[in-house]
PDB file of N, CA and C in Angstrom:
ATOM      1  N   MET A   1     -54.794   0.744 -85.461  1.00  0.00           N
ATOM      2  CA  MET A   1     -53.573  -0.357 -85.373  1.00  0.00           C
ATOM      3  C   MET A   1     -52.395  -0.002 -85.773  1.00  0.00           C
ATOM      4  N   ASN A   2     -51.354  -0.413 -85.506  1.00  0.00           N
ATOM      5  CA  ASN A   2     -50.175  -0.258 -85.789  1.00  0.00           C
ATOM      6  C   ASN A   2     -49.289  -1.538 -86.461  1.00  0.00           C
ATOM      7  N   LYS A   3     -48.607  -1.467 -87.398  1.00  0.00           N
ATOM      8  CA  LYS A   3     -47.537  -2.307 -87.353  1.00  0.00           C
ATOM      9  C   LYS A   3     -46.288  -2.419 -86.576  1.00  0.00           C
ATOM     10  N   GLY A   4     -45.745  -3.830 -86.268  1.00  0.00           N
ATOM     11  CA  GLY A   4     -45.160  -3.907 -85.223  1.00  0.00           C
ATOM     12  C   GLY A   4     -43.851  -3.891 -85.704  1.00  0.00           C
ATOM     13  N   THR A   5     -43.222  -2.691 -86.258  1.00  0.00           N
ATOM     14  CA  THR A   5     -41.771  -3.129 -86.554  1.00  0.00           C
ATOM     15  C   THR A   5     -40.741  -2.149 -85.604  1.00  0.00           C
ATOM     16  N   LYS A   6     -41.768  -1.536 -84.696  1.00  0.00           N
ATOM     17  CA  LYS A   6     -40.723  -0.721 -83.829  1.00  0.00           C
ATOM     18  C   LYS A   6     -40.863  -1.022 -82.760  1.00  0.00           C
ATOM     19  N   ARG A   7     -39.843  -1.315 -81.807  1.00  0.00           N
ATOM     20  CA  ARG A   7     -39.585  -2.183 -81.118  1.00  0.00           C
ATOM     21  C   ARG A   7     -40.200  -1.295 -79.268  1.00  0.00           C
ATOM     22  N   ALA A   8     -39.833   0.063 -79.662  1.00  0.00           N
ATOM     23  CA  ALA A   8     -40.703   0.962 -78.950  1.00  0.00           C
ATOM     24  C   ALA A   8     -41.855   1.005 -78.511  1.00  0.00           C
ATOM     25  N   ASP A   9     -42.227   0.471 -79.480  1.00  0.00           N
ATOM     26  CA  ASP A   9     -44.017   0.594 -79.773  1.00  0.00           C
ATOM     27  C   ASP A   9     -44.839  -0.861 -79.155  1.00  0.00           C
ATOM     28  N   ILE A  10     -44.148  -1.607 -78.616  1.00  0.00           N
ATOM     29  CA  ILE A  10     -44.061  -2.642 -78.101  1.00  0.00           C
ATOM     30  C   ILE A  10     -43.992  -2.799 -76.655  1.00  0.00           C
ATOM     31  N   LYS A  11     -44.821  -3.032 -76.090  1.00  0.00           N
ATOM     32  CA  LYS A  11     -44.680  -3.261 -74.416  1.00  0.00           C
ATOM     33  C   LYS A  11     -45.074  -4.520 -74.224  1.00  0.00           C
ATOM     34  N   GLN A  12     -44.304  -5.153 -72.699  1.00  0.00           N
ATOM     35  CA  GLN A  12     -44.864  -6.240 -72.095  1.00  0.00           C
ATOM     36  C   GLN A  12     -46.298  -5.941 -71.391  1.00  0.00           C
ATOM     37  N   GLY A  13     -47.067  -7.130 -71.732  1.00  0.00           N
ATOM     38  CA  GLY A  13     -48.614  -7.202 -71.597  1.00  0.00           C
ATOM     39  C   GLY A  13     -49.539  -6.513 -72.588  1.00  0.00           C
ATOM     40  N   ALA A  14     -48.817  -6.017 -73.773  1.00  0.00           N
ATOM     41  CA  ALA A  14     -49.673  -5.454 -74.942  1.00  0.00           C
ATOM     42  C   ALA A  14     -50.694  -6.528 -75.422  1.00  0.00           C
ATOM     43  N   SER A  15     -51.224  -6.246 -76.403  1.00  0.00           N
ATOM     44  CA  SER A  15     -52.287  -6.782 -76.924  1.00  0.00           C
ATOM     45  C   SER A  15     -51.804  -6.977 -78.204  1.00  0.00           C
ATOM     46  N   VAL A  16     -51.183  -8.360 -78.536  1.00  0.00           N
ATOM     47  CA  VAL A  16     -50.529  -8.161 -80.410  1.00  0.00           C
ATOM     48  C   VAL A  16     -51.259  -8.782 -81.150  1.00  0.00           C
ATOM     49  N   ALA A  17     -51.207  -9.109 -82.468  1.00  0.00           N
ATOM     50  CA  ALA A  17     -51.159 -10.329 -83.421  1.00  0.00           C
ATOM     51  C   ALA A  17     -49.865 -10.412 -83.989  1.00  0.00           C
ATOM     52  N   ILE A  18     -49.512 -11.768 -84.016  1.00  0.00           N
ATOM     53  CA  ILE A  18     -48.025 -12.015 -84.464  1.00  0.00           C
ATOM     54  C   ILE A  18     -48.707 -13.599 -85.439  1.00  0.00           C
ATOM     55  N   VAL A  19     -47.321 -13.316 -86.527  1.00  0.00           N
ATOM     56  CA  VAL A  19     -47.562 -14.564 -87.330  1.00  0.00           C
ATOM     57  C   VAL A  19     -46.030 -15.581 -86.905  1.00  0.00           C
ATOM     58  N   LEU A  20     -47.010 -16.884 -86.620  1.00  0.00           N
ATOM     59  CA  LEU A  20     -45.839 -17.894 -86.222  1.00  0.00           C
ATOM     60  C   LEU A  20     -44.909 -18.474 -87.512  1.00  0.00           C
ATOM     61  N   LYS A  21     -43.532 -18.768 -87.122  1.00  0.00           N
ATOM     62  CA  LYS A  21     -42.690 -19.280 -88.340  1.00  0.00           C
ATOM     63  C   LYS A  21     -43.691 -20.237 -89.344  1.00  0.00           C
ATOM     64  N   GLN A  22     -44.514 -21.431 -88.746  1.00  0.00           N
ATOM     65  CA  GLN A  22     -45.296 -22.030 -89.551  1.00  0.00           C
ATOM     66  C   GLN A  22     -46.365 -21.135 -90.527  1.00  0.00           C
ATOM     67  N   ASP A  23     -46.937 -20.507 -89.982  1.00  0.00           N
ATOM     68  CA  ASP A  23     -47.722 -19.615 -90.625  1.00  0.00           C
ATOM     69  C   ASP A  23     -47.369 -18.222 -91.380  1.00  0.00           C
ATOM     70  N   GLN A  24     -46.193 -18.290 -91.635  1.00  0.00           N
ATOM     71  CA  GLN A  24     -45.483 -17.064 -92.705  1.00  0.00           C
ATOM     72  C   GLN A  24     -45.880 -17.311 -94.064  1.00  0.00           C
ATOM     73  N   ALA A  25     -45.964 -18.445 -94.300  1.00  0.00           N
ATOM     74  CA  ALA A  25     -46.250 -18.766 -95.807  1.00  0.00           C
ATOM     75  C   ALA A  25     -47.918 -18.621 -96.165  1.00  0.00           C
ATOM     76  N   SER A  26     -48.901 -18.808 -95.181  1.00  0.00           N
ATOM     77  CA  SER A  26     -50.084 -18.600 -95.162  1.00  0.00           C
ATOM     78  C   SER A  26     -50.537 -16.852 -94.451  1.00  0.00           C
ATOM     79  N   GLY A  27     -50.137 -16.816 -93.750  1.00  0.00           N
ATOM     80  CA  GLY A  27     -49.777 -15.368 -93.160  1.00  0.00           C
ATOM     81  C   GLY A  27     -50.982 -15.058 -92.110  1.00  0.00           C
ATOM     82  N   CYS A  28     -51.351 -16.272 -91.758  1.00  0.00           N
ATOM     83  CA  CYS A  28     -52.651 -16.453 -90.470  1.00  0.00           C
ATOM     84  C   CYS A  28     -51.750 -16.041 -89.354  1.00  0.00           C
ATOM     85  N   LEU A  29     -52.899 -15.086 -88.583  1.00  0.00           N
ATOM     86  CA  LEU A  29     -52.485 -14.490 -87.436  1.00  0.00           C
ATOM     87  C   LEU A  29     -52.441 -15.251 -86.145  1.00  0.00           C
ATOM     88  N   THR A  30     -51.911 -15.393 -84.860  1.00  0.00           N
ATOM     89  CA  THR A  30     -52.119 -15.629 -83.612  1.00  0.00           C
ATOM     90  C   THR A  30     -52.213 -14.199 -82.748  1.00  0.00           C
ATOM     91  N   ASP A  31     -53.408 -14.339 -81.983  1.00  0.00           N
ATOM     92  CA  ASP A  31     -53.364 -13.450 -81.037  1.00  0.00           C
ATOM     93  C   ASP A  31     -53.068 -13.420 -79.899  1.00  0.00           C
ATOM     94  N   GLY A  32     -52.417 -12.543 -79.129  1.00  0.00           N
ATOM     95  CA  GLY A  32     -52.388 -12.923 -77.466  1.00  0.00           C
ATOM     96  C   GLY A  32     -51.376 -11.699 -76.807  1.00  0.00           C
ATOM     97  N   ILE A  33     -50.991 -11.795 -75.818  1.00  0.00           N
ATOM     98  CA  ILE A  33     -50.353 -10.958 -74.755  1.00  0.00           C
ATOM     99  C   ILE A  33     -48.780 -10.948 -74.831  1.00  0.00           C
ATOM    100  N   VAL A  34     -48.183 -10.321 -75.197  1.00  0.00           N
ATOM    101  CA  VAL A  34     -46.456 -10.127 -75.043  1.00  0.00           C
ATOM    102  C   VAL A  34     -46.204 -10.122 -73.623  1.00  0.00           C
ATOM    103  N   ARG A  35     -44.880 -11.519 -73.684  1.00  0.00           N
ATOM    104  CA  ARG A  35     -44.529 -11.646 -72.263  1.00  0.00           C
ATOM    105  C   ARG A  35     -43.197 -11.376 -72.307  1.00  0.00           C
ATOM    106  N   ASP A  36     -42.240 -11.688 -73.299  1.00  0.00           N
ATOM    107  CA  ASP A  36     -41.014 -11.084 -73.744  1.00  0.00           C
ATOM    108  C   ASP A  36     -41.087 -10.354 -75.082  1.00  0.00           C
ATOM    109  N   ILE A  37     -39.899  -9.467 -75.229  1.00  0.00           N
ATOM    110  CA  ILE A  37     -39.455  -9.195 -76.337  1.00  0.00           C
ATOM    111  C   ILE A  37     -38.218  -9.432 -76.519  1.00  0.00           C
ATOM    112  N   LEU A  38     -37.926 -10.271 -77.840  1.00  0.00           N
ATOM    113  CA  LEU A  38     -37.217 -11.139 -78.494  1.00  0.00           C
ATOM    114  C   LEU A  38     -35.920 -10.363 -79.411  1.00  0.00           C
ATOM    115  N   THR A  39     -36.559  -9.173 -80.058  1.00  0.00           N
ATOM    116  CA  THR A  39     -35.323  -8.434 -80.952  1.00  0.00           C
ATOM    117  C   THR A  39     -34.992  -7.448 -80.287  1.00  0.00           C
ATOM    118  N   LYS A  40     -33.644  -7.383 -80.215  1.00  0.00           N
ATOM    119  CA  LYS A  40     -33.245  -6.491 -79.597  1.00  0.00           C
ATOM    120  C   LYS A  40     -32.997  -4.955 -80.368  1.00  0.00           C
ATOM    121  N   SER A  41     -32.741  -5.323 -81.644  1.00  0.00           N
ATOM    122  CA  SER A  41     -32.616  -4.142 -82.073  1.00  0.00           C
ATOM    123  C   SER A  41     -33.946  -2.884 -82.218  1.00  0.00           C
ATOM    124  N   PRO A  42     -33.778  -1.560 -82.457  1.00  0.00           N
ATOM    125  CA  PRO A  42     -35.051  -0.839 -82.236  1.00  0.00           C
ATOM    126  C   PRO A  42     -36.109  -0.858 -83.534  1.00  0.00           C
ATOM    127  N   THR A  43     -35.846  -1.747 -84.765  1.00  0.00           N
ATOM    128  CA  THR A  43     -36.939  -1.710 -85.710  1.00  0.00           C
ATOM    129  C   THR A  43     -36.120  -3.144 -86.664  1.00  0.00           C
ATOM    130  N   HIS A  44     -37.593  -3.931 -86.947  1.00  0.00           N
ATOM    131  CA  HIS A  44     -37.096  -4.862 -87.901  1.00  0.00           C
ATOM    132  C   HIS A  44     -38.093  -5.177 -89.034  1.00  0.00           C
ATOM    133  N   PRO A  45     -37.394  -4.773 -90.031  1.00  0.00           N
ATOM    134  CA  PRO A  45     -38.565  -5.016 -91.151  1.00  0.00           C
ATOM    135  C   PRO A  45     -39.676  -6.042 -91.394  1.00  0.00           C
ATOM    136  N   HIS A  46     -39.594  -7.005 -90.761  1.00  0.00           N
ATOM    137  CA  HIS A  46     -40.942  -8.123 -90.728  1.00  0.00           C
ATOM    138  C   HIS A  46     -41.176  -8.231 -89.352  1.00  0.00           C
ATOM    139  N   GLY A  47     -41.158  -7.179 -88.446  1.00  0.00           N
ATOM    140  CA  GLY A  47     -41.597  -7.082 -87.115  1.00  0.00           C
ATOM    141  C   GLY A  47     -40.974  -7.771 -86.172  1.00  0.00           C
ATOM    142  N   ILE A  48     -40.852  -7.161 -84.904  1.00  0.00           N
ATOM    143  CA  ILE A  48     -40.166  -7.419 -83.726  1.00  0.00           C
ATOM    144  C   ILE A  48     -41.112  -8.878 -83.661  1.00  0.00           C
ATOM    145  N   LYS A  49     -39.792  -9.638 -82.887  1.00  0.00           N
ATOM    146  CA  LYS A  49     -40.173 -10.718 -82.449  1.00  0.00           C
ATOM    147  C   LYS A  49     -40.235 -11.009 -80.855  1.00  0.00           C
ATOM    148  N   VAL A  50     -41.403 -11.580 -80.429  1.00  0.00           N
ATOM    149  CA  VAL A  50     -42.010 -11.424 -79.642  1.00  0.00           C
ATOM    150  C   VAL A  50     -42.281 -13.280 -78.683  1.00  0.00           C
ATOM    151  N   ARG A  51     -42.182 -13.283 -77.457  1.00  0.00           N
ATOM    152  CA  ARG A  51     -42.947 -14.545 -77.214  1.00  0.00           C
ATOM    153  C   ARG A  51     -44.501 -14.091 -76.420  1.00  0.00           C
ATOM    154  N   LEU A  52     -45.196 -14.703 -76.788  1.00  0.00           N
ATOM    155  CA  LEU A  52     -46.807 -14.585 -75.745  1.00  0.00           C
ATOM    156  C   LEU A  52     -46.840 -15.152 -74.329  1.00  0.00           C
ATOM    157  N   MET A  53     -48.044 -14.696 -73.870  1.00  0.00           N
ATOM    158  CA  MET A  53     -48.179 -15.827 -73.006  1.00  0.00           C
ATOM    159  C   MET A  53     -48.292 -17.101 -72.462  1.00  0.00           C
ATOM    160  N   SER A  54     -48.788 -17.378 -74.089  1.00  0.00           N
ATOM    161  CA  SER A  54     -49.219 -18.908 -74.112  1.00  0.00           C
ATOM    162  C   SER A  54     -47.445 -19.520 -74.498  1.00  0.00           C
ATOM    163  N   GLY A  55     -46.322 -19.024 -74.586  1.00  0.00           N
ATOM    164  CA  GLY A  55     -45.169 -19.444 -75.000  1.00  0.00           C
ATOM    165  C   GLY A  55     -44.892 -19.264 -76.469  1.00  0.00           C
ATOM    166  N   GLU A  56     -45.971 -19.177 -77.314  1.00  0.00           N
ATOM    167  CA  GLU A  56     -45.735 -18.882 -78.790  1.00  0.00           C
ATOM    168  C   GLU A  56     -45.182 -18.050 -78.985  1.00  0.00           C
ATOM    169  N   VAL A  57     -44.176 -18.010 -80.280  1.00  0.00           N
ATOM    170  CA  VAL A  57     -43.139 -16.829 -80.706  1.00  0.00           C
ATOM    171  C   VAL A  57     -43.268 -16.741 -81.951  1.00  0.00           C
ATOM    172  N   GLY A  58     -43.240 -15.288 -82.389  1.00  0.00           N
ATOM    173  CA  GLY A  58     -43.909 -15.134 -83.537  1.00  0.00           C
ATOM    174  C   GLY A  58     -42.990 -13.262 -83.894  1.00  0.00           C
ATOM    175  N   ARG A  59     -43.476 -13.077 -85.187  1.00  0.00           N
ATOM    176  CA  ARG A  59     -43.066 -11.525 -85.209  1.00  0.00           C
ATOM    177  C   ARG A  59     -44.333 -10.660 -85.266  1.00  0.00           C
ATOM    178  N   VAL A  60     -44.446  -9.501 -84.602  1.00  0.00           N
ATOM    179  CA  VAL A  60     -45.413  -8.955 -84.396  1.00  0.00           C
ATOM    180  C   VAL A  60     -46.448  -8.080 -85.709  1.00  0.00           C
ATOM    181  N   LYS A  61     -47.160  -8.405 -86.246  1.00  0.00           N
ATOM    182  CA  LYS A  61     -47.660  -7.675 -87.420  1.00  0.00           C
ATOM    183  C   LYS A  61     -48.972  -6.691 -87.333  1.00  0.00           C
ATOM    184  N   GLU A  62     -49.852  -7.073 -85.835  1.00  0.00           N
ATOM    185  CA  GLU A  62     -50.556  -5.697 -85.359  1.00  0.00           C
ATOM    186  C   GLU A  62     -50.151  -5.360 -83.955  1.00  0.00           C
ATOM    187  N   ILE A  63     -50.604  -4.339 -83.489  1.00  0.00           N
ATOM    188  CA  ILE A  63     -50.791  -3.389 -82.000  1.00  0.00           C
ATOM    189  C   ILE A  63     -52.102  -3.340 -81.442  1.00  0.00           C
ATOM    190  N   TYR A  64     -52.839  -3.767 -80.774  1.00  0.00           N
ATOM    191  CA  TYR A  64     -54.255  -3.477 -80.359  1.00  0.00           C
ATOM    192  C   TYR A  64     -54.434  -2.398 -79.367  1.00  0.00           C
TER     193      TYR A  64
END
């Protein structure tokens, strides 16, 4: 498993766990498939922001 802080590690269609904005305090993770990569910079200390196929948006915490 890989922390999702590097944009190059994340591809469309990848299976990931993200933390949603409303779950940042609890750290609750949401699993899904990447539809869009929203972060433009090559790295981000809190995780690359993505949109899942379900439409949910959050920062990647794990890549499966």
